[in-house]
């Protein structure tokens, strides 16, 4: 991070204005903006999701759920994803695990945006059906 800050300051040295403040504050602003960019990046968000996947906090997120319940739901979701076509699964994985927008998915796959929207919609409907037992609230009779 430090090297990146100095590299950016070197490359953007013409943007420094003595009227707006001292050099240390200018450098801190560059570092702050770079840190914000990093936190917003897709790769950082993906790493956070990966770390969260099987953490104890995630497993006990709902007070009424045991770790076994959460793992059971996870298994059902993985199995439901296997029930999608390869192109539907790819669109869903890029969107929900990769953090891509539909426009980004279309560019990544070289497909029209409308095609990606249709695939995503169809995949979500299929998943809704496959996961209906865990999506729909259980009614007590």
N, C-alpha and C. Protein backbone atom coordinates (compact mmCIF):
# COMPACT_ATOMS: atom_id res chain seq x y z
N UNK A 1 0.83 -1.19 0.00
CA UNK A 1 0.00 0.00 0.00
C UNK A 1 0.88 1.26 0.00
N UNK A 2 1.94 1.22 0.78
CA UNK A 2 2.83 2.38 0.86
C UNK A 2 3.50 2.63 -0.50
N UNK A 3 4.00 1.56 -1.10
CA UNK A 3 4.64 1.71 -2.41
C UNK A 3 3.66 2.24 -3.45
N UNK A 4 2.44 1.72 -3.39
CA UNK A 4 1.42 2.17 -4.34
C UNK A 4 1.13 3.65 -4.16
N UNK A 5 1.07 4.10 -2.91
CA UNK A 5 0.82 5.52 -2.63
C UNK A 5 1.94 6.39 -3.22
N UNK A 6 3.18 5.99 -2.99
CA UNK A 6 4.29 6.78 -3.52
C UNK A 6 4.34 6.74 -5.05
N UNK A 7 4.03 5.58 -5.63
CA UNK A 7 4.00 5.50 -7.09
C UNK A 7 2.93 6.42 -7.66
N UNK A 8 1.75 6.40 -7.03
CA UNK A 8 0.67 7.27 -7.50
C UNK A 8 1.01 8.74 -7.31
N UNK A 9 1.70 9.05 -6.21
CA UNK A 9 2.09 10.46 -6.00
C UNK A 9 3.14 10.88 -7.03
N UNK A 10 4.04 9.98 -7.36
CA UNK A 10 5.06 10.29 -8.37
C UNK A 10 4.41 10.52 -9.73
N UNK A 11 3.50 9.60 -10.11
CA UNK A 11 2.82 9.72 -11.40
C UNK A 11 1.89 10.92 -11.47
N UNK A 12 1.34 11.32 -10.31
CA UNK A 12 0.39 12.42 -10.31
C UNK A 12 0.93 13.66 -9.64
N UNK A 13 2.25 13.81 -9.63
CA UNK A 13 2.85 14.95 -8.92
C UNK A 13 2.37 16.29 -9.45
N UNK A 14 1.98 16.36 -10.72
CA UNK A 14 1.51 17.63 -11.27
C UNK A 14 0.16 18.04 -10.67
N UNK A 15 -0.52 17.09 -10.02
CA UNK A 15 -1.82 17.44 -9.43
C UNK A 15 -1.67 18.07 -8.04
N UNK A 16 -0.48 18.02 -7.46
CA UNK A 16 -0.27 18.63 -6.15
C UNK A 16 -0.34 20.15 -6.25
N UNK A 17 -1.13 20.73 -5.37
CA UNK A 17 -1.31 22.19 -5.34
C UNK A 17 -0.93 22.69 -3.95
N UNK A 18 0.11 23.49 -3.87
CA UNK A 18 0.58 24.00 -2.58
C UNK A 18 -0.48 24.84 -1.87
N UNK A 19 -1.39 25.42 -2.62
CA UNK A 19 -2.45 26.24 -2.03
C UNK A 19 -3.48 25.39 -1.27
N UNK A 20 -3.57 24.11 -1.61
CA UNK A 20 -4.59 23.26 -1.00
C UNK A 20 -4.11 22.52 0.24
N UNK A 21 -2.83 22.51 0.51
CA UNK A 21 -2.35 21.83 1.71
C UNK A 21 -0.91 21.37 1.58
N UNK A 22 -0.44 20.77 2.67
CA UNK A 22 0.94 20.31 2.73
C UNK A 22 1.07 18.92 2.12
N UNK A 23 2.29 18.57 1.76
CA UNK A 23 2.58 17.29 1.10
C UNK A 23 2.10 16.09 1.93
N UNK A 24 2.36 16.03 3.26
CA UNK A 24 1.91 14.85 4.01
C UNK A 24 0.39 14.61 3.91
N UNK A 25 -0.38 15.69 3.93
CA UNK A 25 -1.83 15.56 3.83
C UNK A 25 -2.23 15.11 2.44
N UNK A 26 -1.55 15.56 1.44
CA UNK A 26 -1.80 15.14 0.06
C UNK A 26 -1.52 13.64 -0.08
N UNK A 27 -0.40 13.19 0.50
CA UNK A 27 -0.05 11.77 0.45
C UNK A 27 -1.08 10.92 1.21
N UNK A 28 -1.53 11.43 2.36
CA UNK A 28 -2.55 10.68 3.12
C UNK A 28 -3.86 10.59 2.33
N UNK A 29 -4.19 11.64 1.60
CA UNK A 29 -5.38 11.59 0.75
C UNK A 29 -5.25 10.54 -0.34
N UNK A 30 -4.08 10.45 -0.95
CA UNK A 30 -3.85 9.43 -1.97
C UNK A 30 -3.98 8.04 -1.35
N UNK A 31 -3.36 7.83 -0.18
CA UNK A 31 -3.42 6.53 0.50
C UNK A 31 -4.86 6.18 0.88
N UNK A 32 -5.59 7.17 1.39
CA UNK A 32 -6.98 6.94 1.77
C UNK A 32 -7.82 6.52 0.57
N UNK A 33 -7.68 7.26 -0.53
CA UNK A 33 -8.46 6.94 -1.73
C UNK A 33 -8.10 5.56 -2.27
N UNK A 34 -6.83 5.21 -2.21
CA UNK A 34 -6.39 3.89 -2.68
C UNK A 34 -6.97 2.79 -1.79
N UNK A 35 -7.00 3.02 -0.48
CA UNK A 35 -7.57 2.04 0.45
C UNK A 35 -9.06 1.85 0.19
N UNK A 36 -9.77 2.92 -0.09
CA UNK A 36 -11.19 2.82 -0.41
C UNK A 36 -11.39 2.04 -1.70
N UNK A 37 -10.57 2.32 -2.71
CA UNK A 37 -10.65 1.58 -3.97
C UNK A 37 -10.43 0.09 -3.73
N UNK A 38 -9.45 -0.25 -2.90
CA UNK A 38 -9.17 -1.64 -2.61
C UNK A 38 -10.34 -2.31 -1.92
N UNK A 39 -10.92 -1.65 -0.93
CA UNK A 39 -12.05 -2.23 -0.20
C UNK A 39 -13.27 -2.44 -1.09
N UNK A 40 -13.41 -1.60 -2.09
CA UNK A 40 -14.55 -1.72 -3.00
C UNK A 40 -14.30 -2.71 -4.13
N UNK A 41 -13.05 -3.16 -4.28
CA UNK A 41 -12.72 -4.02 -5.41
C UNK A 41 -13.40 -5.37 -5.31
N UNK A 42 -13.65 -5.96 -6.45
CA UNK A 42 -14.29 -7.27 -6.54
C UNK A 42 -13.45 -8.35 -5.87
N UNK A 43 -12.14 -8.31 -6.08
CA UNK A 43 -11.30 -9.36 -5.50
C UNK A 43 -11.32 -9.31 -3.98
N UNK A 44 -11.34 -8.11 -3.41
CA UNK A 44 -11.39 -7.99 -1.95
C UNK A 44 -12.73 -8.52 -1.43
N UNK A 45 -13.81 -8.17 -2.09
CA UNK A 45 -15.12 -8.66 -1.67
C UNK A 45 -15.21 -10.18 -1.77
N UNK A 46 -14.62 -10.74 -2.83
CA UNK A 46 -14.62 -12.20 -3.00
C UNK A 46 -13.84 -12.87 -1.87
N UNK A 47 -12.68 -12.29 -1.50
CA UNK A 47 -11.90 -12.85 -0.39
C UNK A 47 -12.70 -12.80 0.91
N UNK A 48 -13.42 -11.73 1.15
CA UNK A 48 -14.24 -11.64 2.36
C UNK A 48 -15.33 -12.70 2.38
N UNK A 49 -15.97 -12.91 1.21
CA UNK A 49 -17.02 -13.94 1.13
C UNK A 49 -16.43 -15.32 1.36
N UNK A 50 -15.25 -15.58 0.82
CA UNK A 50 -14.59 -16.87 1.01
C UNK A 50 -14.27 -17.10 2.47
N UNK A 51 -13.77 -16.09 3.17
CA UNK A 51 -13.43 -16.23 4.58
C UNK A 51 -14.67 -16.44 5.42
N UNK A 52 -15.78 -15.87 4.98
CA UNK A 52 -17.03 -15.94 5.73
C UNK A 52 -17.74 -17.28 5.56
N UNK A 53 -17.45 -17.98 4.48
CA UNK A 53 -18.21 -19.18 4.13
C UNK A 53 -18.39 -20.17 5.27
N UNK A 54 -17.33 -20.57 5.90
CA UNK A 54 -17.44 -21.60 6.93
C UNK A 54 -16.98 -21.12 8.30
N UNK A 55 -17.00 -19.81 8.49
CA UNK A 55 -16.59 -19.29 9.79
C UNK A 55 -17.63 -19.63 10.85
N UNK A 56 -17.24 -19.78 12.10
CA UNK A 56 -18.19 -20.09 13.16
C UNK A 56 -19.30 -19.05 13.29
N UNK A 57 -18.98 -17.76 13.05
CA UNK A 57 -20.00 -16.73 13.16
C UNK A 57 -21.10 -16.95 12.13
N UNK A 58 -20.72 -17.36 10.92
CA UNK A 58 -21.70 -17.60 9.87
C UNK A 58 -22.58 -18.78 10.23
N UNK A 59 -21.96 -19.81 10.78
CA UNK A 59 -22.72 -21.01 11.10
C UNK A 59 -23.73 -20.77 12.20
N UNK A 60 -23.46 -19.83 13.09
CA UNK A 60 -24.39 -19.57 14.18
C UNK A 60 -25.08 -18.23 14.02
N UNK A 61 -25.22 -17.75 12.78
CA UNK A 61 -25.80 -16.43 12.53
C UNK A 61 -27.22 -16.33 13.06
N UNK A 62 -28.01 -17.36 12.83
CA UNK A 62 -29.38 -17.38 13.34
C UNK A 62 -29.37 -18.15 14.65
N UNK A 63 -29.92 -17.55 15.68
CA UNK A 63 -29.88 -18.17 17.00
C UNK A 63 -30.53 -19.54 16.99
N UNK A 64 -31.59 -19.73 16.20
CA UNK A 64 -32.31 -21.00 16.16
C UNK A 64 -31.65 -22.04 15.28
N UNK A 65 -30.71 -21.66 14.46
CA UNK A 65 -30.06 -22.59 13.53
C UNK A 65 -28.80 -23.16 14.15
N UNK A 66 -28.64 -24.46 13.97
CA UNK A 66 -27.37 -25.05 14.38
C UNK A 66 -26.43 -25.04 13.19
N UNK A 67 -25.17 -25.30 13.43
CA UNK A 67 -24.20 -25.38 12.35
C UNK A 67 -24.60 -26.44 11.34
N UNK A 68 -25.19 -27.54 11.82
CA UNK A 68 -25.62 -28.61 10.92
C UNK A 68 -26.73 -28.13 10.00
N UNK A 69 -27.64 -27.28 10.52
CA UNK A 69 -28.72 -26.75 9.70
C UNK A 69 -28.17 -25.88 8.58
N UNK A 70 -27.22 -25.03 8.92
CA UNK A 70 -26.62 -24.14 7.93
C UNK A 70 -25.89 -24.96 6.87
N UNK A 71 -25.14 -25.96 7.30
CA UNK A 71 -24.44 -26.81 6.33
C UNK A 71 -25.42 -27.58 5.45
N UNK A 72 -26.55 -27.97 6.03
CA UNK A 72 -27.58 -28.65 5.24
C UNK A 72 -28.15 -27.74 4.16
N UNK A 73 -28.41 -26.50 4.50
CA UNK A 73 -28.91 -25.53 3.52
C UNK A 73 -27.86 -25.32 2.43
N UNK A 74 -26.61 -25.20 2.85
CA UNK A 74 -25.53 -25.03 1.89
C UNK A 74 -25.47 -26.18 0.89
N UNK A 75 -25.60 -27.39 1.41
CA UNK A 75 -25.60 -28.57 0.53
C UNK A 75 -26.76 -28.52 -0.45
N UNK A 76 -27.93 -28.10 0.04
CA UNK A 76 -29.10 -28.00 -0.84
C UNK A 76 -28.87 -26.97 -1.94
N UNK A 77 -28.26 -25.86 -1.60
CA UNK A 77 -27.98 -24.82 -2.60
C UNK A 77 -26.99 -25.35 -3.64
N UNK A 78 -25.94 -26.01 -3.19
CA UNK A 78 -24.96 -26.58 -4.12
C UNK A 78 -25.64 -27.59 -5.04
N UNK A 79 -26.48 -28.43 -4.47
CA UNK A 79 -27.19 -29.42 -5.29
C UNK A 79 -28.15 -28.74 -6.27
N UNK A 80 -28.81 -27.69 -5.84
CA UNK A 80 -29.72 -26.95 -6.73
C UNK A 80 -28.94 -26.31 -7.88
N UNK A 81 -27.77 -25.78 -7.58
CA UNK A 81 -26.94 -25.20 -8.65
C UNK A 81 -26.56 -26.25 -9.68
N UNK A 82 -26.37 -27.48 -9.23
CA UNK A 82 -26.07 -28.56 -10.18
C UNK A 82 -27.26 -28.87 -11.07
N UNK A 83 -28.45 -28.48 -10.64
CA UNK A 83 -29.66 -28.71 -11.42
C UNK A 83 -29.86 -27.69 -12.54
N UNK A 84 -29.00 -26.69 -12.61
CA UNK A 84 -29.08 -25.68 -13.67
C UNK A 84 -28.28 -26.14 -14.88
N UNK A 85 -28.58 -25.55 -16.04
CA UNK A 85 -27.74 -25.80 -17.20
C UNK A 85 -26.39 -25.12 -16.95
N UNK A 86 -25.40 -25.52 -17.71
CA UNK A 86 -24.05 -24.96 -17.52
C UNK A 86 -24.04 -23.45 -17.71
N UNK A 87 -24.76 -22.94 -18.73
CA UNK A 87 -24.75 -21.50 -18.98
C UNK A 87 -25.52 -20.74 -17.91
N UNK A 88 -26.59 -21.34 -17.38
CA UNK A 88 -27.33 -20.70 -16.29
C UNK A 88 -26.47 -20.64 -15.03
N UNK A 89 -25.82 -21.76 -14.72
CA UNK A 89 -24.97 -21.82 -13.53
C UNK A 89 -23.82 -20.81 -13.63
N UNK A 90 -23.25 -20.69 -14.83
CA UNK A 90 -22.15 -19.74 -15.03
C UNK A 90 -22.62 -18.31 -14.76
N UNK A 91 -23.78 -17.95 -15.27
CA UNK A 91 -24.31 -16.60 -15.07
C UNK A 91 -24.58 -16.34 -13.58
N UNK A 92 -25.16 -17.30 -12.90
CA UNK A 92 -25.47 -17.14 -11.47
C UNK A 92 -24.18 -17.05 -10.65
N UNK A 93 -23.22 -17.91 -10.95
CA UNK A 93 -21.97 -17.89 -10.19
C UNK A 93 -21.21 -16.59 -10.39
N UNK A 94 -21.18 -16.10 -11.63
CA UNK A 94 -20.50 -14.82 -11.87
C UNK A 94 -21.20 -13.68 -11.14
N UNK A 95 -22.53 -13.72 -11.12
CA UNK A 95 -23.29 -12.65 -10.47
C UNK A 95 -23.18 -12.71 -8.94
N UNK A 96 -23.42 -13.88 -8.37
CA UNK A 96 -23.54 -13.95 -6.92
C UNK A 96 -22.25 -14.31 -6.21
N UNK A 97 -21.37 -15.05 -6.84
CA UNK A 97 -20.09 -15.38 -6.21
C UNK A 97 -18.99 -14.46 -6.72
N UNK A 98 -19.11 -14.00 -7.96
CA UNK A 98 -18.09 -13.13 -8.53
C UNK A 98 -18.38 -11.65 -8.36
N UNK A 99 -19.64 -11.31 -8.05
CA UNK A 99 -19.99 -9.91 -7.85
C UNK A 99 -20.13 -9.11 -9.13
N UNK A 100 -20.25 -9.79 -10.28
CA UNK A 100 -20.36 -9.10 -11.56
C UNK A 100 -21.78 -8.59 -11.76
N UNK A 101 -21.93 -7.47 -12.45
CA UNK A 101 -23.25 -7.01 -12.89
C UNK A 101 -23.61 -7.80 -14.14
N UNK A 102 -24.86 -7.71 -14.55
CA UNK A 102 -25.26 -8.43 -15.76
C UNK A 102 -24.53 -7.89 -16.99
N UNK A 103 -24.31 -6.59 -17.04
CA UNK A 103 -23.57 -6.01 -18.17
C UNK A 103 -22.13 -6.53 -18.18
N UNK A 104 -21.51 -6.65 -17.01
CA UNK A 104 -20.15 -7.18 -16.94
C UNK A 104 -20.09 -8.65 -17.34
N UNK A 105 -21.11 -9.41 -16.94
CA UNK A 105 -21.18 -10.82 -17.34
C UNK A 105 -21.30 -10.93 -18.85
N UNK A 106 -22.14 -10.10 -19.45
CA UNK A 106 -22.31 -10.11 -20.90
C UNK A 106 -20.98 -9.83 -21.60
N UNK A 107 -20.25 -8.84 -21.11
CA UNK A 107 -18.94 -8.53 -21.71
C UNK A 107 -17.96 -9.69 -21.51
N UNK A 108 -17.94 -10.23 -20.31
CA UNK A 108 -17.01 -11.32 -19.98
C UNK A 108 -17.26 -12.55 -20.86
N UNK A 109 -18.52 -12.85 -21.09
CA UNK A 109 -18.85 -14.05 -21.86
C UNK A 109 -19.04 -13.78 -23.35
N UNK A 110 -19.03 -12.51 -23.74
CA UNK A 110 -19.22 -12.17 -25.14
C UNK A 110 -20.63 -12.47 -25.63
N UNK A 111 -21.59 -12.29 -24.75
CA UNK A 111 -23.00 -12.57 -25.06
C UNK A 111 -23.79 -11.26 -24.99
N UNK A 112 -24.92 -11.20 -25.69
CA UNK A 112 -25.78 -10.01 -25.58
C UNK A 112 -26.33 -9.87 -24.16
N UNK A 113 -26.53 -8.64 -23.73
CA UNK A 113 -27.06 -8.39 -22.39
C UNK A 113 -28.41 -9.05 -22.18
N UNK A 114 -29.26 -8.99 -23.19
CA UNK A 114 -30.59 -9.62 -23.08
C UNK A 114 -30.51 -11.11 -22.83
N UNK A 115 -29.54 -11.77 -23.44
CA UNK A 115 -29.34 -13.21 -23.23
C UNK A 115 -28.96 -13.49 -21.79
N UNK A 116 -28.07 -12.68 -21.26
CA UNK A 116 -27.63 -12.86 -19.87
C UNK A 116 -28.80 -12.61 -18.91
N UNK A 117 -29.59 -11.59 -19.19
CA UNK A 117 -30.75 -11.31 -18.34
C UNK A 117 -31.73 -12.48 -18.37
N UNK A 118 -31.97 -13.04 -19.54
CA UNK A 118 -32.88 -14.19 -19.66
C UNK A 118 -32.33 -15.39 -18.91
N UNK A 119 -31.04 -15.67 -19.09
CA UNK A 119 -30.43 -16.81 -18.41
C UNK A 119 -30.53 -16.66 -16.89
N UNK A 120 -30.25 -15.46 -16.42
CA UNK A 120 -30.29 -15.21 -14.98
C UNK A 120 -31.71 -15.37 -14.45
N UNK A 121 -32.67 -14.80 -15.15
CA UNK A 121 -34.07 -14.92 -14.73
C UNK A 121 -34.52 -16.38 -14.72
N UNK A 122 -34.22 -17.10 -15.80
CA UNK A 122 -34.59 -18.51 -15.89
C UNK A 122 -33.92 -19.34 -14.79
N UNK A 123 -32.65 -19.03 -14.53
CA UNK A 123 -31.92 -19.75 -13.49
C UNK A 123 -32.52 -19.47 -12.12
N UNK A 124 -32.88 -18.24 -11.86
CA UNK A 124 -33.47 -17.89 -10.56
C UNK A 124 -34.82 -18.58 -10.38
N UNK A 125 -35.61 -18.64 -11.43
CA UNK A 125 -36.90 -19.34 -11.35
C UNK A 125 -36.68 -20.83 -11.08
N UNK A 126 -35.71 -21.41 -11.76
CA UNK A 126 -35.39 -22.83 -11.56
C UNK A 126 -34.90 -23.05 -10.13
N UNK A 127 -34.02 -22.20 -9.64
CA UNK A 127 -33.54 -22.32 -8.27
C UNK A 127 -34.67 -22.17 -7.26
N UNK A 128 -35.57 -21.25 -7.54
CA UNK A 128 -36.71 -21.05 -6.64
C UNK A 128 -37.51 -22.34 -6.50
N UNK A 129 -37.71 -23.02 -7.62
CA UNK A 129 -38.43 -24.29 -7.59
C UNK A 129 -37.64 -25.38 -6.87
N UNK A 130 -36.35 -25.47 -7.17
CA UNK A 130 -35.52 -26.49 -6.56
C UNK A 130 -35.32 -26.27 -5.06
N UNK A 131 -35.37 -25.04 -4.63
CA UNK A 131 -35.14 -24.71 -3.22
C UNK A 131 -36.43 -24.34 -2.48
N UNK A 132 -37.56 -24.65 -3.04
CA UNK A 132 -38.84 -24.23 -2.45
C UNK A 132 -39.00 -24.73 -1.02
N UNK A 133 -38.43 -25.89 -0.70
CA UNK A 133 -38.58 -26.42 0.65
C UNK A 133 -37.86 -25.57 1.70
N UNK A 134 -36.83 -24.85 1.31
CA UNK A 134 -36.16 -24.00 2.30
C UNK A 134 -36.50 -22.53 2.14
N UNK A 135 -37.11 -22.16 1.00
CA UNK A 135 -37.48 -20.77 0.78
C UNK A 135 -38.82 -20.44 1.39
N UNK A 136 -39.79 -21.31 1.14
CA UNK A 136 -41.16 -21.06 1.62
C UNK A 136 -41.22 -21.28 3.11
N UNK A 137 -41.86 -20.37 3.83
CA UNK A 137 -41.97 -20.55 5.29
C UNK A 137 -42.80 -21.79 5.61
N UNK A 138 -42.38 -22.48 6.65
CA UNK A 138 -43.10 -23.68 7.06
C UNK A 138 -44.34 -23.27 7.83
N UNK A 139 -45.47 -23.84 7.46
CA UNK A 139 -46.74 -23.51 8.12
C UNK A 139 -47.05 -24.56 9.16
N UNK A 140 -47.46 -24.07 10.31
CA UNK A 140 -47.85 -25.01 11.38
C UNK A 140 -49.34 -25.20 11.28
N UNK A 141 -49.74 -26.45 11.38
CA UNK A 141 -51.18 -26.76 11.26
C UNK A 141 -51.77 -27.15 12.57
